[in-house]
């Protein structure tokens, strides 16, 4: 098993064929675009996580594979399991 590689909006996220699987969590409008790009990327596995809050945009939950109620739950339940 290879160590996970963190790719975020703050670094180079272009896929040059190295990335085959992705877990992406988002909570705002720009993350809807990322969800769509990951779907179009034809990776082996993509898990799109909606981190829901009162400020979450419409469509975030419906475009996600997994929905979690807030960033604390995401950190405690999802990231801990990686």
N, C-alpha and C. Protein backbone atom coordinates (compact mmCIF):
# COMPACT_ATOMS: atom_id res chain seq x y z
N UNK A 1 0.84 -1.16 0.00
CA UNK A 1 0.00 0.00 0.00
C UNK A 1 0.89 1.23 0.00
N UNK A 2 0.59 2.16 -0.88
CA UNK A 2 1.33 3.40 -0.94
C UNK A 2 0.75 4.43 0.02
N UNK A 3 1.60 5.29 0.49
CA UNK A 3 1.15 6.38 1.34
C UNK A 3 0.30 7.33 0.51
N UNK A 4 -0.76 7.85 1.13
CA UNK A 4 -1.64 8.78 0.43
C UNK A 4 -0.90 10.06 0.10
N UNK A 5 -1.23 10.64 -1.02
CA UNK A 5 -0.65 11.90 -1.43
C UNK A 5 -1.72 12.97 -1.30
N UNK A 6 -1.41 14.03 -0.58
CA UNK A 6 -2.37 15.11 -0.40
C UNK A 6 -2.28 16.06 -1.56
N UNK A 7 -3.39 16.22 -2.25
CA UNK A 7 -3.49 17.20 -3.32
C UNK A 7 -4.63 18.12 -2.94
N UNK A 8 -4.35 19.40 -2.88
CA UNK A 8 -5.38 20.35 -2.48
C UNK A 8 -5.42 21.51 -3.46
N UNK A 9 -6.38 22.39 -3.24
CA UNK A 9 -6.48 23.55 -4.11
C UNK A 9 -5.28 24.47 -3.95
N UNK A 10 -4.47 24.25 -2.92
CA UNK A 10 -3.29 25.07 -2.69
C UNK A 10 -2.03 24.55 -3.35
N UNK A 11 -2.08 23.40 -4.00
CA UNK A 11 -0.90 22.90 -4.70
C UNK A 11 -1.29 22.40 -6.09
N UNK A 12 -0.36 21.84 -6.79
CA UNK A 12 -0.60 21.42 -8.16
C UNK A 12 -1.47 20.17 -8.19
N UNK A 13 -2.71 20.32 -8.62
CA UNK A 13 -3.62 19.18 -8.61
C UNK A 13 -3.85 18.60 -10.01
N UNK A 14 -3.06 18.99 -10.98
CA UNK A 14 -3.22 18.41 -12.31
C UNK A 14 -2.78 16.96 -12.30
N UNK A 15 -3.59 16.11 -12.90
CA UNK A 15 -3.29 14.68 -12.92
C UNK A 15 -2.45 14.36 -14.15
N UNK A 16 -1.22 13.96 -13.92
CA UNK A 16 -0.34 13.59 -15.03
C UNK A 16 -0.27 12.08 -15.18
N UNK A 17 -1.36 11.39 -14.80
CA UNK A 17 -1.38 9.95 -14.90
C UNK A 17 -0.95 9.26 -13.62
N UNK A 18 -0.49 10.02 -12.65
CA UNK A 18 -0.02 9.43 -11.39
C UNK A 18 -1.17 9.10 -10.46
N UNK A 19 -2.20 9.92 -10.45
CA UNK A 19 -3.31 9.74 -9.52
C UNK A 19 -4.33 8.79 -10.13
N UNK A 20 -4.64 7.72 -9.40
CA UNK A 20 -5.62 6.75 -9.87
C UNK A 20 -6.87 6.71 -9.00
N UNK A 21 -6.70 7.13 -7.74
CA UNK A 21 -7.82 7.13 -6.79
C UNK A 21 -7.84 8.46 -6.05
N UNK A 22 -9.05 8.93 -5.74
CA UNK A 22 -9.15 10.22 -5.05
C UNK A 22 -10.30 10.22 -4.06
N UNK A 23 -10.05 10.85 -2.92
CA UNK A 23 -11.08 11.17 -1.96
C UNK A 23 -11.04 12.69 -1.83
N UNK A 24 -12.16 13.32 -2.14
CA UNK A 24 -12.22 14.78 -2.13
C UNK A 24 -13.36 15.22 -1.25
N UNK A 25 -13.08 16.10 -0.31
CA UNK A 25 -14.12 16.64 0.57
C UNK A 25 -14.25 18.12 0.32
N UNK A 26 -15.49 18.58 0.27
CA UNK A 26 -15.71 20.00 0.02
C UNK A 26 -16.97 20.52 0.69
N UNK A 27 -17.00 21.84 0.84
CA UNK A 27 -18.13 22.46 1.53
C UNK A 27 -18.63 23.74 0.89
N UNK A 28 -18.11 24.07 -0.30
CA UNK A 28 -18.58 25.31 -0.92
C UNK A 28 -18.75 25.18 -2.43
N UNK A 29 -19.09 26.26 -3.07
CA UNK A 29 -19.43 26.25 -4.50
C UNK A 29 -18.27 25.78 -5.37
N UNK A 30 -17.06 26.18 -5.07
CA UNK A 30 -15.93 25.74 -5.90
C UNK A 30 -15.73 24.24 -5.83
N UNK A 31 -16.15 23.63 -4.74
CA UNK A 31 -16.02 22.18 -4.61
C UNK A 31 -16.98 21.43 -5.52
N UNK A 32 -18.08 22.06 -5.90
CA UNK A 32 -18.98 21.45 -6.90
C UNK A 32 -18.25 21.27 -8.22
N UNK A 33 -17.45 22.27 -8.61
CA UNK A 33 -16.64 22.15 -9.83
C UNK A 33 -15.63 21.02 -9.69
N UNK A 34 -15.01 20.90 -8.54
CA UNK A 34 -14.04 19.83 -8.31
C UNK A 34 -14.71 18.47 -8.39
N UNK A 35 -15.91 18.34 -7.82
CA UNK A 35 -16.65 17.08 -7.92
C UNK A 35 -16.84 16.70 -9.39
N UNK A 36 -17.25 17.67 -10.21
CA UNK A 36 -17.48 17.40 -11.63
C UNK A 36 -16.18 17.01 -12.35
N UNK A 37 -15.10 17.70 -12.04
CA UNK A 37 -13.81 17.39 -12.67
C UNK A 37 -13.34 15.99 -12.30
N UNK A 38 -13.52 15.61 -11.05
CA UNK A 38 -13.12 14.27 -10.64
C UNK A 38 -13.95 13.20 -11.35
N UNK A 39 -15.22 13.47 -11.53
CA UNK A 39 -16.08 12.53 -12.25
C UNK A 39 -15.59 12.38 -13.69
N UNK A 40 -15.23 13.48 -14.31
CA UNK A 40 -14.78 13.47 -15.70
C UNK A 40 -13.37 12.89 -15.86
N UNK A 41 -12.61 12.81 -14.78
CA UNK A 41 -11.21 12.37 -14.87
C UNK A 41 -11.05 10.87 -15.12
N UNK A 42 -12.11 10.10 -14.98
CA UNK A 42 -12.08 8.65 -15.23
C UNK A 42 -11.00 7.95 -14.41
N UNK A 43 -10.97 8.25 -13.13
CA UNK A 43 -10.05 7.58 -12.22
C UNK A 43 -10.61 6.21 -11.84
N UNK A 44 -9.78 5.35 -11.26
CA UNK A 44 -10.24 4.04 -10.83
C UNK A 44 -11.31 4.16 -9.74
N UNK A 45 -11.06 5.03 -8.77
CA UNK A 45 -11.98 5.23 -7.66
C UNK A 45 -12.03 6.71 -7.32
N UNK A 46 -13.24 7.22 -7.17
CA UNK A 46 -13.44 8.61 -6.72
C UNK A 46 -14.51 8.59 -5.63
N UNK A 47 -14.19 9.20 -4.50
CA UNK A 47 -15.17 9.37 -3.43
C UNK A 47 -15.29 10.87 -3.18
N UNK A 48 -16.48 11.38 -3.43
CA UNK A 48 -16.75 12.82 -3.26
C UNK A 48 -17.55 12.99 -1.96
N UNK A 49 -16.98 13.75 -1.02
CA UNK A 49 -17.59 13.93 0.29
C UNK A 49 -18.11 15.35 0.43
N UNK A 50 -19.40 15.47 0.72
CA UNK A 50 -20.00 16.78 1.02
C UNK A 50 -19.91 17.01 2.51
N UNK A 51 -19.24 18.08 2.89
CA UNK A 51 -19.15 18.48 4.29
C UNK A 51 -20.21 19.56 4.47
N UNK A 52 -21.33 19.18 5.06
CA UNK A 52 -22.52 20.03 5.08
C UNK A 52 -22.50 20.99 6.26
N UNK A 53 -22.90 22.22 5.95
CA UNK A 53 -23.07 23.26 6.96
C UNK A 53 -24.22 24.15 6.47
N UNK A 54 -24.70 25.07 7.29
CA UNK A 54 -25.77 25.96 6.84
C UNK A 54 -25.39 26.78 5.60
N UNK A 55 -24.10 26.98 5.38
CA UNK A 55 -23.64 27.78 4.24
C UNK A 55 -23.39 26.95 2.99
N UNK A 56 -23.57 25.65 3.05
CA UNK A 56 -23.29 24.78 1.90
C UNK A 56 -24.20 25.15 0.72
N UNK A 57 -23.65 25.13 -0.49
CA UNK A 57 -24.43 25.51 -1.66
C UNK A 57 -25.43 24.42 -2.07
N UNK A 58 -26.48 24.81 -2.75
CA UNK A 58 -27.42 23.81 -3.28
C UNK A 58 -26.68 22.87 -4.23
N UNK A 59 -27.01 21.61 -4.17
CA UNK A 59 -26.40 20.63 -5.06
C UNK A 59 -25.22 19.91 -4.47
N UNK A 60 -24.65 20.43 -3.40
CA UNK A 60 -23.46 19.79 -2.82
C UNK A 60 -23.78 18.36 -2.37
N UNK A 61 -24.86 18.19 -1.63
CA UNK A 61 -25.22 16.86 -1.13
C UNK A 61 -25.58 15.91 -2.27
N UNK A 62 -26.32 16.38 -3.25
CA UNK A 62 -26.76 15.49 -4.33
C UNK A 62 -25.61 15.08 -5.25
N UNK A 63 -24.56 15.90 -5.35
CA UNK A 63 -23.41 15.57 -6.19
C UNK A 63 -22.38 14.71 -5.48
N UNK A 64 -22.55 14.49 -4.18
CA UNK A 64 -21.57 13.75 -3.39
C UNK A 64 -21.91 12.27 -3.29
N UNK A 65 -20.90 11.48 -3.01
CA UNK A 65 -21.08 10.06 -2.74
C UNK A 65 -21.36 9.82 -1.26
N UNK A 66 -20.79 10.68 -0.42
CA UNK A 66 -20.92 10.58 1.03
C UNK A 66 -21.23 11.97 1.57
N UNK A 67 -22.10 12.04 2.57
CA UNK A 67 -22.45 13.32 3.19
C UNK A 67 -22.12 13.23 4.68
N UNK A 68 -21.36 14.21 5.17
CA UNK A 68 -21.08 14.28 6.60
C UNK A 68 -21.54 15.63 7.13
N UNK A 69 -22.07 15.65 8.36
CA UNK A 69 -22.63 16.88 8.92
C UNK A 69 -21.59 17.75 9.62
N UNK A 70 -20.70 18.34 8.84
CA UNK A 70 -19.74 19.28 9.42
C UNK A 70 -18.30 18.80 9.37
N UNK A 71 -17.39 19.77 9.47
CA UNK A 71 -15.97 19.48 9.34
C UNK A 71 -15.42 18.66 10.52
N UNK A 72 -15.97 18.86 11.72
CA UNK A 72 -15.49 18.09 12.87
C UNK A 72 -15.76 16.60 12.67
N UNK A 73 -16.94 16.27 12.18
CA UNK A 73 -17.26 14.86 11.91
C UNK A 73 -16.36 14.32 10.82
N UNK A 74 -16.09 15.11 9.80
CA UNK A 74 -15.20 14.67 8.73
C UNK A 74 -13.82 14.33 9.28
N UNK A 75 -13.27 15.23 10.08
CA UNK A 75 -11.95 14.97 10.67
C UNK A 75 -11.96 13.76 11.59
N UNK A 76 -12.95 13.67 12.45
CA UNK A 76 -12.98 12.62 13.45
C UNK A 76 -13.33 11.24 12.89
N UNK A 77 -14.24 11.19 11.95
CA UNK A 77 -14.74 9.90 11.46
C UNK A 77 -14.10 9.45 10.15
N UNK A 78 -13.95 10.36 9.22
CA UNK A 78 -13.45 9.97 7.89
C UNK A 78 -11.93 9.95 7.86
N UNK A 79 -11.29 11.04 8.22
CA UNK A 79 -9.83 11.09 8.13
C UNK A 79 -9.15 10.14 9.10
N UNK A 80 -9.73 9.91 10.23
CA UNK A 80 -9.15 9.00 11.21
C UNK A 80 -9.06 7.59 10.63
N UNK A 81 -9.98 7.23 9.76
CA UNK A 81 -10.00 5.89 9.19
C UNK A 81 -9.02 5.68 8.05
N UNK A 82 -8.36 6.72 7.61
CA UNK A 82 -7.42 6.56 6.48
C UNK A 82 -6.06 6.06 6.90
